[in-house]
Amino acid sequence: MKIEQAAIITMRTSSSRLPKKSVTNITNTQKSIDIIIERAKLTNLPVILATSIDDSDNQLVEIAKKHDIHIFRGSLMNKIKRWKDCFQNYEIENALLIDGDDLCYDYNIAKISIQKLISTKSDIIWCPDEIITGLFTLAITKHAIKKLYLCEPNENSDTDIFTHLFKKTNLKISYVQLKNHQKNKEIRLTLDYERDLLFFRELYKHMPITESSDNIIKYILENPKIASINYQCQKDFLENKKLKIGENID
């Protein structure tokens, strides 16, 4: 099946910091994966769950089937290879890469980014460093995926952190333009730690899981006690990211 443009959700269950967070309940009826899928659908692109061939991810596949989305299974550790193989399997030209941890993924930024990817003839549409963690990952072309894969072709390479590889390529990178409220550093919208889990459970008591990210941020700013649940995790998150980048470079 040929899908020229897609929203690709990257997800697996073998998380070290928060085991099986992708299948953990956030609301009484919805798990993390349910929320990610429903928000990905609002990009108005075909949605593909890109998970691994490992048996531990069978549950993700069964849930994805219930949502009637496409499924691709590939490398467990090397998600760049998984993306490359997914692009090849569905003959994808351009895609949004959606991190399976980002339960407030901004589908409006995503729509703008995929359009900008095409109109500017860029290889990657990325986000500035000051963006709230968890709002958006990137939009990318087939050409860029192939170039990144050449940097890390080993099946067993851990490419959980991969943006440092951009420096090894000659890819054309453009950036999304952020609104001021999308730069707030005392808000954290990604799921890595137990406190993040508590944060999302509290947040989604007060609004539907498909609420726009702009309205979510507005609500958090009006109710700062919610943000205080987990934003202190950001320091550990950034230190861990820096450590992983250092390990990969070495």
C-alpha atoms as a PDB file:
ATOM      1  CA  MET A   1       0.000   0.000   0.000  1.00  0.00           C
ATOM      2  CA  LYS A   2       1.324   3.420  -0.986  1.00  0.00           C
ATOM      3  CA  ILE A   3       0.922   6.243   1.546  1.00  0.00           C
ATOM      4  CA  GLU A   4       2.713   9.364   0.324  1.00  0.00           C
ATOM      5  CA  GLN A   5       2.267  11.310   3.579  1.00  0.00           C
ATOM      6  CA  ALA A   6       1.746   9.853   7.042  1.00  0.00           C
ATOM      7  CA  ALA A   7       1.788  10.450  10.766  1.00  0.00           C
ATOM      8  CA  ILE A   8       4.105   7.801  12.220  1.00  0.00           C
ATOM      9  CA  ILE A   9       3.806   7.017  15.932  1.00  0.00           C
ATOM     10  CA  THR A  10       7.016   5.581  17.390  1.00  0.00           C
ATOM     11  CA  MET A  11       6.232   3.379  20.373  1.00  0.00           C
ATOM     12  CA  ARG A  12       7.324   0.257  22.216  1.00  0.00           C
ATOM     13  CA  THR A  13       6.649  -1.184  25.681  1.00  0.00           C
ATOM     14  CA  SER A  14      10.251  -1.811  26.780  1.00  0.00           C
ATOM     15  CA  SER A  15      10.821   1.484  28.572  1.00  0.00           C
ATOM     16  CA  SER A  16      13.473   1.454  31.301  1.00  0.00           C
ATOM     17  CA  ARG A  17      12.393   4.504  33.323  1.00  0.00           C
ATOM     18  CA  LEU A  18       8.649   3.814  33.353  1.00  0.00           C
ATOM     19  CA  PRO A  19       7.965   0.209  32.268  1.00  0.00           C
ATOM     20  CA  LYS A  20       4.955  -0.352  29.991  1.00  0.00           C
ATOM     21  CA  LYS A  21       4.012   3.326  30.119  1.00  0.00           C
ATOM     22  CA  SER A  22       2.497   3.048  26.633  1.00  0.00           C
ATOM     23  CA  VAL A  23      -0.218   0.703  27.926  1.00  0.00           C
ATOM     24  CA  THR A  24      -0.740   2.429  31.275  1.00  0.00           C
ATOM     25  CA  ASN A  25      -4.165   3.883  31.946  1.00  0.00           C
ATOM     26  CA  ILE A  26      -4.359   7.677  31.944  1.00  0.00           C
ATOM     27  CA  THR A  27      -8.132   7.932  32.226  1.00  0.00           C
ATOM     28  CA  ASN A  28     -10.556   5.232  33.325  1.00  0.00           C
ATOM     29  CA  THR A  29     -10.982   4.085  29.745  1.00  0.00           C
ATOM     30  CA  GLN A  30      -7.918   5.305  27.838  1.00  0.00           C
ATOM     31  CA  LYS A  31      -4.314   4.207  27.890  1.00  0.00           C
ATOM     32  CA  SER A  32      -1.344   6.294  26.757  1.00  0.00           C
ATOM     33  CA  ILE A  33      -1.401   4.658  23.329  1.00  0.00           C
ATOM     34  CA  ASP A  34      -5.103   5.476  22.892  1.00  0.00           C
ATOM     35  CA  ILE A  35      -4.434   9.161  23.533  1.00  0.00           C
ATOM     36  CA  ILE A  36      -1.461   9.314  21.176  1.00  0.00           C
ATOM     37  CA  ILE A  37      -3.420   7.639  18.382  1.00  0.00           C
ATOM     38  CA  GLU A  38      -6.470   9.865  18.744  1.00  0.00           C
ATOM     39  CA  ARG A  39      -4.331  13.009  18.710  1.00  0.00           C
ATOM     40  CA  ALA A  40      -2.324  11.715  15.720  1.00  0.00           C
ATOM     41  CA  LYS A  41      -5.558  11.235  13.770  1.00  0.00           C
ATOM     42  CA  LEU A  42      -6.220  14.967  14.110  1.00  0.00           C
ATOM     43  CA  THR A  43      -3.245  15.684  11.827  1.00  0.00           C
ATOM     44  CA  ASN A  44      -5.630  14.506   9.068  1.00  0.00           C
ATOM     45  CA  LEU A  45      -2.967  12.139   7.762  1.00  0.00           C
ATOM     46  CA  PRO A  46      -3.016   8.336   7.661  1.00  0.00           C
ATOM     47  CA  VAL A  47      -1.667   7.114  11.010  1.00  0.00           C
ATOM     48  CA  ILE A  48       0.907   4.328  11.281  1.00  0.00           C
ATOM     49  CA  LEU A  49       2.022   2.713  14.525  1.00  0.00           C
ATOM     50  CA  ALA A  50       5.732   1.923  14.073  1.00  0.00           C
ATOM     51  CA  THR A  51       6.614  -0.562  16.799  1.00  0.00           C
ATOM     52  CA  SER A  52       9.065  -3.422  17.116  1.00  0.00           C
ATOM     53  CA  ILE A  53       8.947  -7.074  16.135  1.00  0.00           C
ATOM     54  CA  ASP A  54       9.541  -8.034  19.771  1.00  0.00           C
ATOM     55  CA  ASP A  55       6.763 -10.049  21.432  1.00  0.00           C
ATOM     56  CA  SER A  56       6.564  -7.427  24.176  1.00  0.00           C
ATOM     57  CA  ASP A  57       4.908  -5.101  21.656  1.00  0.00           C
ATOM     58  CA  ASN A  58       2.127  -7.483  20.615  1.00  0.00           C
ATOM     59  CA  GLN A  59      -0.267  -5.651  22.940  1.00  0.00           C
ATOM     60  CA  LEU A  60       0.390  -2.372  21.141  1.00  0.00           C
ATOM     61  CA  VAL A  61      -0.468  -4.009  17.835  1.00  0.00           C
ATOM     62  CA  GLU A  62      -3.773  -5.342  19.161  1.00  0.00           C
ATOM     63  CA  ILE A  63      -4.743  -1.907  20.483  1.00  0.00           C
ATOM     64  CA  ALA A  64      -3.756  -0.243  17.211  1.00  0.00           C
ATOM     65  CA  LYS A  65      -5.987  -2.649  15.289  1.00  0.00           C
ATOM     66  CA  LYS A  66      -8.969  -1.505  17.353  1.00  0.00           C
ATOM     67  CA  HIS A  67      -8.238   2.070  16.285  1.00  0.00           C
ATOM     68  CA  ASP A  68      -8.180   0.964  12.626  1.00  0.00           C
ATOM     69  CA  ILE A  69      -4.770   2.449  11.864  1.00  0.00           C
ATOM     70  CA  HIS A  70      -1.835   1.070   9.901  1.00  0.00           C
ATOM     71  CA  ILE A  71       0.840  -0.978  11.668  1.00  0.00           C
ATOM     72  CA  PHE A  72       4.502  -1.501  10.923  1.00  0.00           C
ATOM     73  CA  ARG A  73       6.865  -3.691  12.943  1.00  0.00           C
ATOM     74  CA  GLY A  74      10.628  -3.378  12.682  1.00  0.00           C
ATOM     75  CA  SER A  75      13.852  -2.979  14.616  1.00  0.00           C
ATOM     76  CA  LEU A  76      13.564  -3.006  18.408  1.00  0.00           C
ATOM     77  CA  MET A  77      16.539  -0.781  19.233  1.00  0.00           C
ATOM     78  CA  ASN A  78      17.284   1.170  16.069  1.00  0.00           C
ATOM     79  CA  LYS A  79      14.191   3.284  15.481  1.00  0.00           C
ATOM     80  CA  ILE A  80      15.855   5.081  12.555  1.00  0.00           C
ATOM     81  CA  LYS A  81      16.034   1.721  10.792  1.00  0.00           C
ATOM     82  CA  ARG A  82      12.407   1.094  11.792  1.00  0.00           C
ATOM     83  CA  TRP A  83      11.419   4.416  10.214  1.00  0.00           C
ATOM     84  CA  LYS A  84      13.469   3.745   7.092  1.00  0.00           C
ATOM     85  CA  ASP A  85      11.851   0.343   6.632  1.00  0.00           C
ATOM     86  CA  CYS A  86       8.406   1.803   7.348  1.00  0.00           C
ATOM     87  CA  PHE A  87       8.937   4.520   4.723  1.00  0.00           C
ATOM     88  CA  GLN A  88       9.991   1.859   2.241  1.00  0.00           C
ATOM     89  CA  ASN A  89       7.112  -0.483   3.057  1.00  0.00           C
ATOM     90  CA  TYR A  90       4.422   2.176   2.557  1.00  0.00           C
ATOM     91  CA  GLU A  91       6.290   4.160  -0.141  1.00  0.00           C
ATOM     92  CA  ILE A  92       6.140   7.259   2.054  1.00  0.00           C
ATOM     93  CA  GLU A  93       7.569  10.533   0.755  1.00  0.00           C
ATOM     94  CA  ASN A  94       6.958  12.789   3.797  1.00  0.00           C
ATOM     95  CA  ALA A  95       5.938  12.060   7.365  1.00  0.00           C
ATOM     96  CA  LEU A  96       5.374  13.438  10.811  1.00  0.00           C
ATOM     97  CA  LEU A  97       7.313  11.530  13.461  1.00  0.00           C
ATOM     98  CA  ILE A  98       5.275  11.380  16.658  1.00  0.00           C
ATOM     99  CA  ASP A  99       6.953  10.322  19.884  1.00  0.00           C
ATOM    100  CA  GLY A 100       4.827   7.809  21.769  1.00  0.00           C
ATOM    101  CA  ASP A 101       5.524   9.694  25.016  1.00  0.00           C
ATOM    102  CA  ASP A 102       3.923  12.968  23.923  1.00  0.00           C
ATOM    103  CA  LEU A 103       0.363  12.831  25.245  1.00  0.00           C
ATOM    104  CA  CYS A 104      -0.359  16.490  24.385  1.00  0.00           C
ATOM    105  CA  TYR A 105       1.105  16.302  20.880  1.00  0.00           C
ATOM    106  CA  ASP A 106       0.230  19.509  19.025  1.00  0.00           C
ATOM    107  CA  TYR A 107      -1.580  18.380  15.889  1.00  0.00           C
ATOM    108  CA  ASN A 108      -1.933  22.009  14.755  1.00  0.00           C
ATOM    109  CA  ILE A 109       1.840  22.555  14.748  1.00  0.00           C
ATOM    110  CA  ALA A 110       2.047  19.230  12.925  1.00  0.00           C
ATOM    111  CA  LYS A 111      -0.297  20.362  10.131  1.00  0.00           C
ATOM    112  CA  ILE A 112       1.713  23.537   9.600  1.00  0.00           C
ATOM    113  CA  SER A 113       4.979  21.589   9.626  1.00  0.00           C
ATOM    114  CA  ILE A 114       4.043  19.031   6.992  1.00  0.00           C
ATOM    115  CA  GLN A 115       2.893  21.849   4.710  1.00  0.00           C
ATOM    116  CA  LYS A 116       6.113  23.776   5.356  1.00  0.00           C
ATOM    117  CA  LEU A 117       8.185  20.658   4.648  1.00  0.00           C
ATOM    118  CA  ILE A 118       6.731  20.555   1.144  1.00  0.00           C
ATOM    119  CA  SER A 119       6.505  24.281   0.381  1.00  0.00           C
ATOM    120  CA  THR A 120      10.079  25.067   1.471  1.00  0.00           C
ATOM    121  CA  LYS A 121      11.518  21.878  -0.038  1.00  0.00           C
ATOM    122  CA  SER A 122      13.234  21.222   3.277  1.00  0.00           C
ATOM    123  CA  ASP A 123      14.435  17.792   4.414  1.00  0.00           C
ATOM    124  CA  ILE A 124      13.371  18.322   8.029  1.00  0.00           C
ATOM    125  CA  ILE A 125      11.044  20.691   9.850  1.00  0.00           C
ATOM    126  CA  TRP A 126      12.285  20.793  13.424  1.00  0.00           C
ATOM    127  CA  CYS A 127      11.405  22.733  16.570  1.00  0.00           C
ATOM    128  CA  PRO A 128      13.510  25.353  18.374  1.00  0.00           C
ATOM    129  CA  ASP A 129      15.134  24.291  21.663  1.00  0.00           C
ATOM    130  CA  GLU A 130      12.814  26.529  23.696  1.00  0.00           C
ATOM    131  CA  ILE A 131       9.672  24.591  22.746  1.00  0.00           C
ATOM    132  CA  ILE A 132       7.761  22.956  25.607  1.00  0.00           C
ATOM    133  CA  THR A 133       9.003  19.368  25.803  1.00  0.00           C
ATOM    134  CA  GLY A 134       6.365  17.076  24.327  1.00  0.00           C
ATOM    135  CA  LEU A 135       4.590  19.476  21.965  1.00  0.00           C
ATOM    136  CA  PHE A 136       6.152  18.353  18.700  1.00  0.00           C
ATOM    137  CA  THR A 137       8.957  16.219  17.253  1.00  0.00           C
ATOM    138  CA  LEU A 138       9.519  16.841  13.542  1.00  0.00           C
ATOM    139  CA  ALA A 139       8.420  16.404   9.948  1.00  0.00           C
ATOM    140  CA  ILE A 140      10.829  14.603   7.637  1.00  0.00           C
ATOM    141  CA  THR A 141      11.330  13.396   4.074  1.00  0.00           C
ATOM    142  CA  LYS A 142      12.248   9.977   2.735  1.00  0.00           C
ATOM    143  CA  HIS A 143      15.605  11.398   1.620  1.00  0.00           C
ATOM    144  CA  ALA A 144      16.398  12.597   5.164  1.00  0.00           C
ATOM    145  CA  ILE A 145      15.487   9.254   6.734  1.00  0.00           C
ATOM    146  CA  LYS A 146      17.862   7.479   4.359  1.00  0.00           C
ATOM    147  CA  LYS A 147      20.678   9.909   5.174  1.00  0.00           C
ATOM    148  CA  LEU A 148      20.168   9.471   8.932  1.00  0.00           C
ATOM    149  CA  TYR A 149      20.099   5.695   8.548  1.00  0.00           C
ATOM    150  CA  LEU A 150      23.513   5.772   6.863  1.00  0.00           C
ATOM    151  CA  CYS A 151      24.839   7.338  10.084  1.00  0.00           C
ATOM    152  CA  GLU A 152      23.467   4.494  12.254  1.00  0.00           C
ATOM    153  CA  PRO A 153      22.868   1.353  10.146  1.00  0.00           C
ATOM    154  CA  ASN A 154      23.508  -1.182  12.921  1.00  0.00           C
ATOM    155  CA  GLU A 155      20.342  -3.105  13.835  1.00  0.00           C
ATOM    156  CA  ASN A 156      21.341  -3.057  17.507  1.00  0.00           C
ATOM    157  CA  SER A 157      22.213   0.646  17.759  1.00  0.00           C
ATOM    158  CA  ASP A 158      20.146   2.462  20.376  1.00  0.00           C
ATOM    159  CA  THR A 159      18.840   5.488  18.467  1.00  0.00           C
ATOM    160  CA  ASP A 160      16.372   6.670  21.084  1.00  0.00           C
ATOM    161  CA  ILE A 161      18.253   9.985  20.894  1.00  0.00           C
ATOM    162  CA  PHE A 162      18.998  10.830  17.271  1.00  0.00           C
ATOM    163  CA  THR A 163      18.847  14.580  16.547  1.00  0.00           C
ATOM    164  CA  HIS A 164      22.605  14.982  17.156  1.00  0.00           C
ATOM    165  CA  LEU A 165      23.007  13.064  13.884  1.00  0.00           C
ATOM    166  CA  PHE A 166      21.645  16.045  11.968  1.00  0.00           C
ATOM    167  CA  LYS A 167      25.121  17.588  12.226  1.00  0.00           C
ATOM    168  CA  LYS A 168      26.582  14.627  10.322  1.00  0.00           C
ATOM    169  CA  THR A 169      24.409  15.281   7.272  1.00  0.00           C
ATOM    170  CA  ASN A 170      23.912  18.105   4.786  1.00  0.00           C
ATOM    171  CA  LEU A 171      20.159  18.091   5.190  1.00  0.00           C
ATOM    172  CA  LYS A 172      18.147  21.268   4.763  1.00  0.00           C
ATOM    173  CA  ILE A 173      16.531  21.982   8.131  1.00  0.00           C
ATOM    174  CA  SER A 174      13.820  24.575   8.735  1.00  0.00           C
ATOM    175  CA  TYR A 175      12.078  25.390  11.989  1.00  0.00           C
ATOM    176  CA  VAL A 176       8.510  25.844  13.149  1.00  0.00           C
ATOM    177  CA  GLN A 177       7.642  29.293  14.433  1.00  0.00           C
ATOM    178  CA  LEU A 178       6.444  29.190  18.021  1.00  0.00           C
ATOM    179  CA  LYS A 179       3.957  31.345  19.865  1.00  0.00           C
ATOM    180  CA  ASN A 180       5.163  32.744  23.183  1.00  0.00           C
ATOM    181  CA  HIS A 181       3.070  30.378  25.304  1.00  0.00           C
ATOM    182  CA  GLN A 182       4.602  27.381  23.487  1.00  0.00           C
ATOM    183  CA  LYS A 183       8.022  28.245  24.968  1.00  0.00           C
ATOM    184  CA  ASN A 184       7.098  27.985  28.663  1.00  0.00           C
ATOM    185  CA  LYS A 185       9.884  26.133  30.466  1.00  0.00           C
ATOM    186  CA  GLU A 186       7.821  25.417  33.578  1.00  0.00           C
ATOM    187  CA  ILE A 187       5.506  23.129  31.648  1.00  0.00           C
ATOM    188  CA  ARG A 188       6.462  19.575  30.702  1.00  0.00           C
ATOM    189  CA  LEU A 189       4.204  17.534  28.396  1.00  0.00           C
ATOM    190  CA  THR A 190       5.910  14.179  27.962  1.00  0.00           C
ATOM    191  CA  LEU A 191       5.715  10.841  29.785  1.00  0.00           C
ATOM    192  CA  ASP A 192       8.978   9.481  31.189  1.00  0.00           C
ATOM    193  CA  TYR A 193       8.645   9.392  34.961  1.00  0.00           C
ATOM    194  CA  GLU A 194       6.099   8.487  37.611  1.00  0.00           C
ATOM    195  CA  ARG A 195       5.433  12.184  38.222  1.00  0.00           C
ATOM    196  CA  ASP A 196       4.661  12.647  34.534  1.00  0.00           C
ATOM    197  CA  LEU A 197       2.087   9.893  34.836  1.00  0.00           C
ATOM    198  CA  LEU A 198       0.464  11.666  37.791  1.00  0.00           C
ATOM    199  CA  PHE A 199       0.490  14.903  35.804  1.00  0.00           C
ATOM    200  CA  PHE A 200      -1.334  13.467  32.786  1.00  0.00           C
ATOM    201  CA  ARG A 201      -3.877  11.658  34.935  1.00  0.00           C
ATOM    202  CA  GLU A 202      -4.695  14.927  36.663  1.00  0.00           C
ATOM    203  CA  LEU A 203      -4.710  16.955  33.457  1.00  0.00           C
ATOM    204  CA  TYR A 204      -7.083  14.683  31.586  1.00  0.00           C
ATOM    205  CA  LYS A 205      -9.578  14.716  34.421  1.00  0.00           C
ATOM    206  CA  HIS A 206     -10.379  18.256  33.316  1.00  0.00           C
ATOM    207  CA  MET A 207     -10.535  18.078  29.523  1.00  0.00           C
ATOM    208  CA  PRO A 208     -10.986  15.681  26.610  1.00  0.00           C
ATOM    209  CA  ILE A 209      -7.918  13.860  25.346  1.00  0.00           C
ATOM    210  CA  THR A 210      -8.248  15.575  21.959  1.00  0.00           C
ATOM    211  CA  GLU A 211      -8.254  19.129  23.355  1.00  0.00           C
ATOM    212  CA  SER A 212      -5.976  21.488  21.426  1.00  0.00           C
ATOM    213  CA  SER A 213      -2.514  21.996  22.877  1.00  0.00           C
ATOM    214  CA  ASP A 214      -3.118  25.750  22.992  1.00  0.00           C
ATOM    215  CA  ASN A 215      -6.112  25.223  25.281  1.00  0.00           C
ATOM    216  CA  ILE A 216      -4.208  22.682  27.358  1.00  0.00           C
ATOM    217  CA  ILE A 217      -1.382  25.167  27.923  1.00  0.00           C
ATOM    218  CA  LYS A 218      -3.889  27.908  28.745  1.00  0.00           C
ATOM    219  CA  TYR A 219      -5.522  25.674  31.346  1.00  0.00           C
ATOM    220  CA  ILE A 220      -2.162  24.759  32.903  1.00  0.00           C
ATOM    221  CA  LEU A 221      -1.128  28.408  33.108  1.00  0.00           C
ATOM    222  CA  GLU A 222      -4.396  29.164  34.887  1.00  0.00           C
ATOM    223  CA  ASN A 223      -3.845  26.188  37.216  1.00  0.00           C
ATOM    224  CA  PRO A 224      -0.090  26.172  37.967  1.00  0.00           C
ATOM    225  CA  LYS A 225      -0.400  23.483  40.633  1.00  0.00           C
ATOM    226  CA  ILE A 226      -0.866  20.967  37.829  1.00  0.00           C
ATOM    227  CA  ALA A 227       2.424  21.994  36.179  1.00  0.00           C
ATOM    228  CA  SER A 228       4.181  21.720  39.535  1.00  0.00           C
ATOM    229  CA  ILE A 229       3.432  17.978  39.631  1.00  0.00           C
ATOM    230  CA  ASN A 230       6.130  17.135  37.099  1.00  0.00           C
ATOM    231  CA  TYR A 231       8.111  20.083  35.713  1.00  0.00           C
ATOM    232  CA  GLN A 232      10.951  19.388  38.149  1.00  0.00           C
ATOM    233  CA  CYS A 233      11.478  16.140  36.187  1.00  0.00           C
ATOM    234  CA  GLN A 234      12.720  18.221  33.265  1.00  0.00           C
ATOM    235  CA  LYS A 235      16.190  18.625  34.749  1.00  0.00           C
ATOM    236  CA  ASP A 236      16.646  14.846  35.017  1.00  0.00           C
ATOM    237  CA  PHE A 237      15.210  14.434  31.528  1.00  0.00           C
ATOM    238  CA  LEU A 238      17.688  16.886  29.981  1.00  0.00           C
ATOM    239  CA  GLU A 239      20.653  15.434  31.875  1.00  0.00           C
ATOM    240  CA  ASN A 240      19.717  11.929  30.734  1.00  0.00           C
ATOM    241  CA  LYS A 241      19.372  13.157  27.148  1.00  0.00           C
ATOM    242  CA  LYS A 242      22.794  14.822  27.297  1.00  0.00           C
ATOM    243  CA  LEU A 243      24.320  11.623  28.682  1.00  0.00           C
ATOM    244  CA  LYS A 244      22.820   9.510  25.897  1.00  0.00           C
ATOM    245  CA  ILE A 245      24.065  11.900  23.238  1.00  0.00           C
ATOM    246  CA  GLY A 246      27.557  11.665  24.739  1.00  0.00           C
ATOM    247  CA  GLU A 247      27.422   7.875  24.736  1.00  0.00           C
ATOM    248  CA  ASN A 248      26.293   7.762  21.103  1.00  0.00           C
ATOM    249  CA  ILE A 249      29.008  10.175  19.977  1.00  0.00           C
ATOM    250  CA  ASP A 250      31.684   8.183  21.794  1.00  0.00           C
END
